[in-house]
Every structure is written in C-alpha cells, then in structure tokens.
Amino acid sequence: MKQTVKSVFLAALTLAVFAFTGCGAKKSKSAKPEGTAKEAETIYAVSTYKTVEGNLDDYLEFGGDVASVNEVMVLPDQAGKITNVLVKVGDMVKKDQVIAYVNPLRAGVVYNDSPVKAPIAGRVTSLPVTVGSTVSQSSSVAKVARTDELEIRISIAERFISRIADGQKATLTFDAYPGETFGAKVFEISPVLDTATRTMGVKLRLDPPDNRVKVGMYGRVRLITETTKDAIIIPSGAIVTREGKEYVFVLNEETRNDENPTVRFQPVHKGISVDNKVEITEGLKAGDEIVVKGYSLLSNGAKVKIITAN
C-alpha cells in the first residue's frame, strides 16, 4: 500500500515538472528577441521647383489719364455771336484754318464776321459752341489737340519720388483692350511737388505709339523702378524662417535620382521681392531643386517623395 502511494506521488510530480517545463518553452518560443523590431521610416510628400536664372522687375503701380502732348483752346478775337461753325469734333485742321465766325452784332453798327482760326494743326477734340451762341474773348470756341502725340499723366506720392527717374520704362493696360499691354517711357518729371496733395507730376509717352489709344482714356501704369538681370528667382512661399533666419530645403545632389531623395536645410539671403517671387543673392545656384510645398514637417536629412516638380 505504501509502495502504491509512493508511485502515484512520483508520477504526479513528474507530470507537474513536465507541464511547467513545456509552458516555459512555449512562452520562450513566442517571445521576439529584444531589439529586432524596426521602426517605420517617415517619408514626406513634397512639391519641388528647379531654380533658373531670370530677370526680375520691381515696379510701382499708378492710374493715369491719356492726354495730348500739345492741346490748346481756340479763343475768338472778338466777343459776339457765333454765326457759322465750319468743323465738327474729330475733324483734322491745319494751323490758321478758320473753324468758325463771330459777329459783334452791336446795335446801330454793322460788323463783318470775324474768323476764329486754329492756332495749331491737329484734331478738334471739343466744340462747345453752336451757331447763335454768345461768346466772350475768354470763351473757348473749340479745343484742338495733336492726337498723334499722346502722353500719360500720373501723380507720384512723395514717399516714392526717390525711385523715379527720366527714361524709366512702364507697361500700360486699358479696360478697352483686356489682356493687352502697351509700352511707355518716362519723358518728363516735375521739379516741384503739389503742396496740396504732396505728389509729383510725371508724364510718360507711349513707346511705340499706338493709334488705338485715345485721348481721355484711363490707363493702369506699372512703372519699372528696378531691374535685376540673371538672378536666381524662386517662389517667395518656399522660404522658411526659423529663429530669425531664412532657409530653403534643397534636395541633396547625391540623392536626387533616388526614389526617396533626402533634403538639407540651406540658409539663403534675399534680394528684391516682387509679387510672389523673390531674388536669392546667396545660398542657391541655377539648377538647385528646392521644396516649395510640404516642408512644414521637414528636418535636415529627411527623406521625401516628390509629388509634383516644376
């Protein structure tokens, strides 16, 4: 009996040891060795732009009226009534051509009609009188202008006058010709400012002349004040400012042909900025490929995937 109890006890102990050993082995087999898990590498989607050399024009914008370079009012030699008008608005007249007649018509006295002559050759742009109108010697009978020589008159605010110079080029646009631009050039700058408006008068001429532009039209003037040639020009939105300094992310040359190239943090110096473009005077060269979108999470050496390239 004692032998039987002892055998049963030994058998139970053996099973327990086997079970414990088996569980330990199973647990050990399922556990991953420490340090074998690899973290997923982050790749950022970006848009890039390849830099090129180009010209960048800084400018000021104004509104201006088209006027004739030479425009005069035609005045009568005598006061009286208009007895005849020989021209109409739009007619071309020669110098000293008679355009109307005036008679004093004083009571008890007979006068011959007095001719009103054009002081210059040009086109009649205004004719405010009709037959029977009474005029004085200071009344305008007509206005004659040289419409083949036009000028655009603009007023420059005092803070901008240091940027204005004779011969500067400009472009003009008119509502009458949407999408078209016309060339112009500064030919006259007033030596004084208007004390009431604190502005300086500037005149431009169409360059070349264009007979589609008419006296009285309103033009939008883009006056070129500075031109930078053969400059590295990039979108201004590509510049990142950190700790008061300006940088761009540039694709590393040795990885540019990789599926996921890397980028570096490149400090730059800016020149003039015009609209959404900026000149880079130091830090980039033509042909560098820079990140223009998707750079907010980038860091030095980050890998990227190029979605669009310009």
Protein backbone atom coordinates (compact mmCIF):
# COMPACT_ATOMS: atom_id res chain seq x y z
CA MET A 1 0.00 0.00 0.00
CA LYS A 2 2.81 2.35 0.89
CA GLN A 3 4.61 1.42 -2.32
CA THR A 4 1.48 2.26 -4.38
CA VAL A 5 1.04 5.68 -2.75
CA LYS A 6 4.69 6.46 -3.33
CA SER A 7 4.43 5.55 -7.05
CA VAL A 8 1.36 7.70 -7.53
CA PHE A 9 3.09 10.64 -5.86
CA LEU A 10 6.19 10.34 -8.05
CA ALA A 11 4.06 10.11 -11.20
CA ALA A 12 2.13 13.30 -10.29
CA LEU A 13 5.36 15.16 -9.54
CA THR A 14 6.83 14.13 -12.91
CA LEU A 15 3.74 15.40 -14.80
CA ALA A 16 3.85 18.73 -12.97
CA VAL A 17 7.53 19.24 -13.80
CA PHE A 18 6.88 18.34 -17.46
CA ALA A 19 3.94 20.74 -17.70
CA PHE A 20 5.93 23.61 -16.19
CA THR A 21 8.86 22.97 -18.47
CA GLY A 22 6.60 22.84 -21.55
CA CYS A 23 4.87 26.12 -20.76
CA GLY A 24 8.20 27.86 -20.27
CA ALA A 25 9.46 26.58 -23.59
CA LYS A 26 6.30 27.72 -25.40
CA LYS A 27 6.49 31.17 -23.89
CA SER A 28 10.14 31.47 -24.77
CA LYS A 29 9.46 30.43 -28.38
CA SER A 30 6.68 33.04 -28.91
CA ALA A 31 8.59 35.97 -27.46
CA LYS A 32 10.54 38.17 -30.01
CA PRO A 33 14.22 38.76 -29.34
CA GLU A 34 14.85 42.18 -27.89
CA GLY A 35 15.87 44.85 -30.46
CA THR A 36 14.65 43.08 -33.59
CA ALA A 37 11.61 45.40 -34.19
CA LYS A 38 12.41 48.07 -36.79
CA GLU A 39 10.63 51.41 -36.68
CA ALA A 40 8.88 52.52 -39.91
CA GLU A 41 10.80 55.29 -41.71
CA THR A 42 8.82 58.52 -42.36
CA ILE A 43 8.79 59.79 -45.95
CA TYR A 44 7.25 63.20 -46.66
CA ALA A 45 5.27 64.09 -49.79
CA VAL A 46 6.52 67.37 -51.30
CA SER A 47 6.41 69.56 -54.41
CA THR A 48 9.68 70.87 -55.81
CA TYR A 49 10.92 73.66 -58.08
CA LYS A 50 14.14 73.70 -60.09
CA THR A 51 15.81 77.11 -59.91
CA VAL A 52 16.78 79.03 -63.05
CA GLU A 53 18.33 82.39 -63.80
CA GLY A 54 15.97 85.13 -64.93
CA ASN A 55 15.11 88.83 -64.76
CA LEU A 56 13.02 90.36 -62.00
CA ASP A 57 11.41 93.78 -62.33
CA ASP A 58 10.41 95.80 -59.29
CA TYR A 59 7.64 98.28 -60.00
CA LEU A 60 5.15 100.81 -58.73
CA GLU A 61 1.53 100.93 -59.88
CA PHE A 62 -0.47 104.07 -60.62
CA GLY A 63 -3.51 105.21 -62.54
CA GLY A 64 -3.13 107.82 -65.25
CA ASP A 65 -5.09 109.74 -67.88
CA VAL A 66 -4.20 109.81 -71.55
CA ALA A 67 -3.85 113.36 -72.89
CA SER A 68 -2.43 115.08 -75.92
CA VAL A 69 1.12 116.40 -75.65
CA ASN A 70 0.01 119.60 -77.39
CA GLU A 71 -3.55 120.74 -76.74
CA VAL A 72 -4.86 124.31 -76.96
CA MET A 73 -8.14 126.14 -76.54
CA VAL A 74 -9.26 128.19 -79.53
CA LEU A 75 -10.35 131.69 -78.44
CA PRO A 76 -12.11 134.37 -80.58
CA ASP A 77 -10.54 137.74 -81.24
CA GLN A 78 -13.86 139.48 -80.56
CA ALA A 79 -16.87 138.89 -78.35
CA GLY A 80 -20.18 138.34 -80.05
CA LYS A 81 -22.39 135.63 -81.53
CA ILE A 82 -21.28 132.57 -83.45
CA THR A 83 -22.63 132.97 -86.98
CA ASN A 84 -21.08 129.88 -88.54
CA VAL A 85 -19.22 126.73 -87.46
CA LEU A 86 -17.13 125.06 -90.15
CA VAL A 87 -15.85 121.95 -88.34
CA LYS A 88 -17.08 119.15 -86.11
CA VAL A 89 -15.48 117.09 -83.33
CA GLY A 90 -12.93 114.69 -84.77
CA ASP A 91 -12.01 116.80 -87.81
CA MET A 92 -8.36 117.42 -88.61
CA VAL A 93 -7.48 121.09 -89.05
CA LYS A 94 -4.39 122.93 -90.20
CA LYS A 95 -2.69 125.81 -88.45
CA ASP A 96 -4.62 129.08 -89.10
CA GLN A 97 -7.55 127.22 -90.63
CA VAL A 98 -10.86 129.01 -89.98
CA ILE A 99 -13.11 126.91 -87.79
CA ALA A 100 -15.88 129.42 -87.01
CA TYR A 101 -17.06 133.02 -87.43
CA VAL A 102 -18.08 135.53 -84.77
CA ASN A 103 -20.00 138.79 -85.30
CA PRO A 104 -20.16 141.51 -82.60
CA LEU A 105 -23.71 142.47 -83.67
CA ARG A 106 -23.79 145.71 -81.77
CA ALA A 107 -26.92 147.86 -82.10
CA GLY A 108 -26.64 150.50 -84.80
CA VAL A 109 -23.33 149.20 -86.09
CA VAL A 110 -22.69 146.67 -88.85
CA TYR A 111 -19.65 144.48 -88.50
CA ASN A 112 -18.18 141.87 -90.75
CA ASP A 113 -17.85 138.39 -89.37
CA SER A 114 -14.57 137.82 -87.58
CA PRO A 115 -12.86 134.48 -88.30
CA VAL A 116 -11.79 132.17 -85.47
CA LYS A 117 -8.62 130.33 -86.52
CA ALA A 118 -6.90 127.19 -85.21
CA PRO A 119 -3.60 128.18 -83.53
CA ILE A 120 -2.05 124.77 -84.23
CA ALA A 121 -2.57 121.85 -86.55
CA GLY A 122 -4.36 118.92 -85.00
CA ARG A 123 -7.69 117.30 -84.36
CA VAL A 124 -10.77 119.03 -82.96
CA THR A 125 -11.42 117.30 -79.63
CA SER A 126 -14.04 119.67 -78.23
CA LEU A 127 -16.57 122.05 -79.78
CA PRO A 128 -18.75 123.58 -77.03
CA VAL A 129 -20.42 126.24 -79.21
CA THR A 130 -23.20 126.23 -81.79
CA VAL A 131 -24.48 128.83 -84.23
CA GLY A 132 -26.15 131.60 -82.21
CA SER A 133 -24.02 131.05 -79.10
CA THR A 134 -22.71 134.16 -77.43
CA VAL A 135 -19.00 134.11 -76.64
CA SER A 136 -16.52 136.40 -74.96
CA GLN A 137 -12.83 136.78 -75.78
CA SER A 138 -12.07 134.34 -72.95
CA SER A 139 -14.62 131.75 -74.08
CA SER A 140 -13.36 128.57 -75.70
CA VAL A 141 -14.82 128.07 -79.14
CA ALA A 142 -13.04 124.74 -79.65
CA LYS A 143 -10.17 122.64 -78.43
CA VAL A 144 -7.54 121.35 -80.86
CA ALA A 145 -5.03 118.67 -79.95
CA ARG A 146 -2.17 116.76 -81.57
CA THR A 147 -3.64 113.30 -81.10
CA ASP A 148 -0.70 111.63 -82.82
CA GLU A 149 1.47 112.59 -79.83
CA LEU A 150 -0.04 111.33 -76.60
CA GLU A 151 1.12 111.37 -73.01
CA ILE A 152 0.01 109.63 -69.84
CA ARG A 153 -0.09 111.84 -66.78
CA ILE A 154 0.39 110.29 -63.35
CA SER A 155 0.95 111.65 -59.84
CA ILE A 156 3.66 110.12 -57.66
CA ALA A 157 3.30 110.17 -53.88
CA GLU A 158 6.14 111.90 -52.06
CA ARG A 159 7.43 108.67 -50.47
CA PHE A 160 8.14 107.18 -53.92
CA ILE A 161 9.87 110.10 -55.68
CA SER A 162 13.37 108.77 -54.93
CA ARG A 163 12.56 105.75 -57.11
CA ILE A 164 11.56 107.77 -60.19
CA ALA A 165 13.99 108.64 -62.98
CA ASP A 166 13.80 110.01 -66.51
CA GLY A 167 13.69 107.28 -69.16
CA GLN A 168 12.21 104.57 -66.92
CA LYS A 169 10.09 102.04 -68.77
CA ALA A 170 6.50 101.19 -67.97
CA THR A 171 3.67 98.98 -69.17
CA LEU A 172 0.08 100.16 -69.59
CA THR A 173 -3.22 98.32 -69.58
CA PHE A 174 -6.62 99.65 -70.58
CA ASP A 175 -10.11 98.32 -69.95
CA ALA A 176 -10.83 98.75 -73.66
CA TYR A 177 -8.18 96.13 -74.52
CA PRO A 178 -8.26 93.43 -71.82
CA GLY A 179 -5.24 91.18 -71.73
CA GLU A 180 -3.08 93.53 -73.82
CA THR A 181 -0.15 95.63 -72.62
CA PHE A 182 1.32 98.78 -74.13
CA GLY A 183 4.85 100.08 -73.67
CA ALA A 184 5.64 103.54 -72.33
CA LYS A 185 8.59 105.58 -71.10
CA VAL A 186 9.02 108.48 -68.66
CA PHE A 187 9.92 111.70 -70.51
CA GLU A 188 9.07 114.49 -68.06
CA ILE A 189 9.29 114.78 -64.26
CA SER A 190 8.01 117.85 -62.44
CA PRO A 191 10.74 119.63 -60.45
CA VAL A 192 8.28 120.53 -57.68
CA LEU A 193 5.59 118.80 -55.61
CA ASP A 194 1.98 119.85 -55.34
CA THR A 195 1.76 121.20 -51.79
CA ALA A 196 -1.94 120.33 -51.52
CA THR A 197 -1.63 116.65 -52.48
CA ARG A 198 2.09 116.06 -51.72
CA THR A 199 2.50 114.46 -55.14
CA MET A 200 4.86 114.96 -58.06
CA GLY A 201 3.63 115.09 -61.65
CA VAL A 202 5.19 112.63 -64.09
CA LYS A 203 4.48 112.22 -67.82
CA LEU A 204 5.02 109.16 -69.96
CA ARG A 205 4.85 108.62 -73.71
CA LEU A 206 3.67 105.51 -75.50
CA ASP A 207 6.64 103.55 -76.78
CA PRO A 208 5.95 102.69 -79.55
CA PRO A 209 2.92 104.89 -80.40
CA ASP A 210 -0.37 103.06 -80.91
CA ASN A 211 -3.36 104.69 -82.58
CA ARG A 212 -5.75 102.50 -80.61
CA VAL A 213 -5.05 104.59 -77.51
CA LYS A 214 -7.27 107.68 -77.38
CA VAL A 215 -7.20 110.98 -75.54
CA GLY A 216 -9.22 110.74 -72.34
CA MET A 217 -8.69 107.02 -71.76
CA TYR A 218 -7.74 105.85 -68.26
CA GLY A 219 -4.73 103.58 -68.02
CA ARG A 220 -3.18 101.45 -65.29
CA VAL A 221 0.53 102.14 -65.20
CA ARG A 222 3.16 99.68 -63.98
CA LEU A 223 6.35 101.74 -63.68
CA ILE A 224 9.54 99.67 -63.62
CA THR A 225 11.80 101.13 -60.91
CA GLU A 226 14.48 98.42 -60.69
CA THR A 227 15.51 95.50 -62.89
CA THR A 228 17.63 92.59 -61.70
CA LYS A 229 19.14 90.52 -64.50
CA ASP A 230 20.36 86.91 -64.46
CA ALA A 231 19.18 86.42 -60.87
CA ILE A 232 18.14 83.23 -59.08
CA ILE A 233 14.40 83.69 -58.63
CA ILE A 234 12.20 81.39 -56.53
CA PRO A 235 8.62 81.45 -55.21
CA SER A 236 8.57 83.51 -52.02
CA GLY A 237 6.47 80.81 -50.32
CA ALA A 238 9.43 78.40 -50.44
CA ILE A 239 11.36 80.37 -47.82
CA VAL A 240 11.25 79.10 -44.24
CA THR A 241 12.00 81.48 -41.36
CA ARG A 242 13.37 79.93 -38.20
CA GLU A 243 14.99 81.77 -35.30
CA GLY A 244 15.02 84.96 -37.34
CA LYS A 245 16.95 83.44 -40.25
CA GLU A 246 15.74 82.39 -43.68
CA TYR A 247 16.23 78.97 -45.23
CA VAL A 248 15.02 76.72 -48.00
CA PHE A 249 15.00 72.92 -48.21
CA VAL A 250 17.20 71.72 -51.07
CA LEU A 251 17.40 68.19 -52.46
CA ASN A 252 20.84 66.71 -51.88
CA GLU A 253 22.68 66.28 -55.18
CA GLU A 254 23.81 62.71 -54.48
CA THR A 255 20.26 61.50 -53.82
CA ARG A 256 18.26 63.48 -56.42
CA ASN A 257 17.81 60.43 -58.65
CA ASP A 258 16.76 58.16 -55.77
CA GLU A 259 13.15 57.10 -55.31
CA ASN A 260 13.16 58.96 -51.99
CA PRO A 261 15.85 61.67 -52.06
CA THR A 262 16.96 63.49 -48.94
CA VAL A 263 16.88 67.24 -48.25
CA ARG A 264 19.14 69.65 -46.46
CA PHE A 265 18.43 72.90 -44.64
CA GLN A 266 20.06 75.66 -46.76
CA PRO A 267 20.44 79.25 -45.46
CA VAL A 268 19.76 81.96 -48.09
CA HIS A 269 19.90 85.73 -48.49
CA LYS A 270 17.07 87.59 -50.23
CA GLY A 271 17.23 90.45 -52.69
CA ILE A 272 14.18 92.24 -54.07
CA SER A 273 10.70 90.73 -53.77
CA VAL A 274 8.09 91.26 -56.46
CA ASP A 275 4.59 89.82 -56.22
CA ASN A 276 5.11 86.14 -55.27
CA LYS A 277 8.73 85.93 -56.42
CA VAL A 278 11.96 86.71 -54.62
CA GLU A 279 15.56 87.12 -55.72
CA ILE A 280 18.13 84.95 -53.93
CA THR A 281 21.50 86.68 -53.77
CA GLU A 282 23.33 83.98 -51.81
CA GLY A 283 22.81 80.30 -50.96
CA LEU A 284 21.42 78.87 -54.22
CA LYS A 285 22.63 78.30 -57.76
CA ALA A 286 20.81 77.64 -61.02
CA GLY A 287 19.66 74.03 -61.22
CA ASP A 288 19.14 73.50 -57.47
CA GLU A 289 15.88 71.71 -56.75
CA ILE A 290 14.06 73.17 -53.77
CA VAL A 291 10.95 72.17 -51.83
CA VAL A 292 8.07 74.60 -52.35
CA LYS A 293 5.22 72.66 -50.71
CA GLY A 294 5.10 70.14 -47.88
CA TYR A 295 8.12 71.42 -45.97
CA SER A 296 6.45 72.24 -42.65
CA LEU A 297 7.47 68.91 -41.02
CA LEU A 298 10.83 68.50 -42.74
CA SER A 299 14.15 68.42 -40.97
CA ASN A 300 17.74 68.18 -42.12
CA GLY A 301 18.31 64.85 -43.88
CA ALA A 302 14.62 63.91 -44.13
CA LYS A 303 13.54 61.65 -46.98
CA VAL A 304 10.89 62.90 -49.37
CA LYS A 305 8.66 61.67 -52.15
CA ILE A 306 8.25 64.18 -54.98
CA ILE A 307 4.59 64.50 -55.97
CA THR A 308 4.98 67.37 -58.46
CA ALA A 309 8.07 69.05 -59.88
CA ASN A 310 8.25 72.35 -61.75
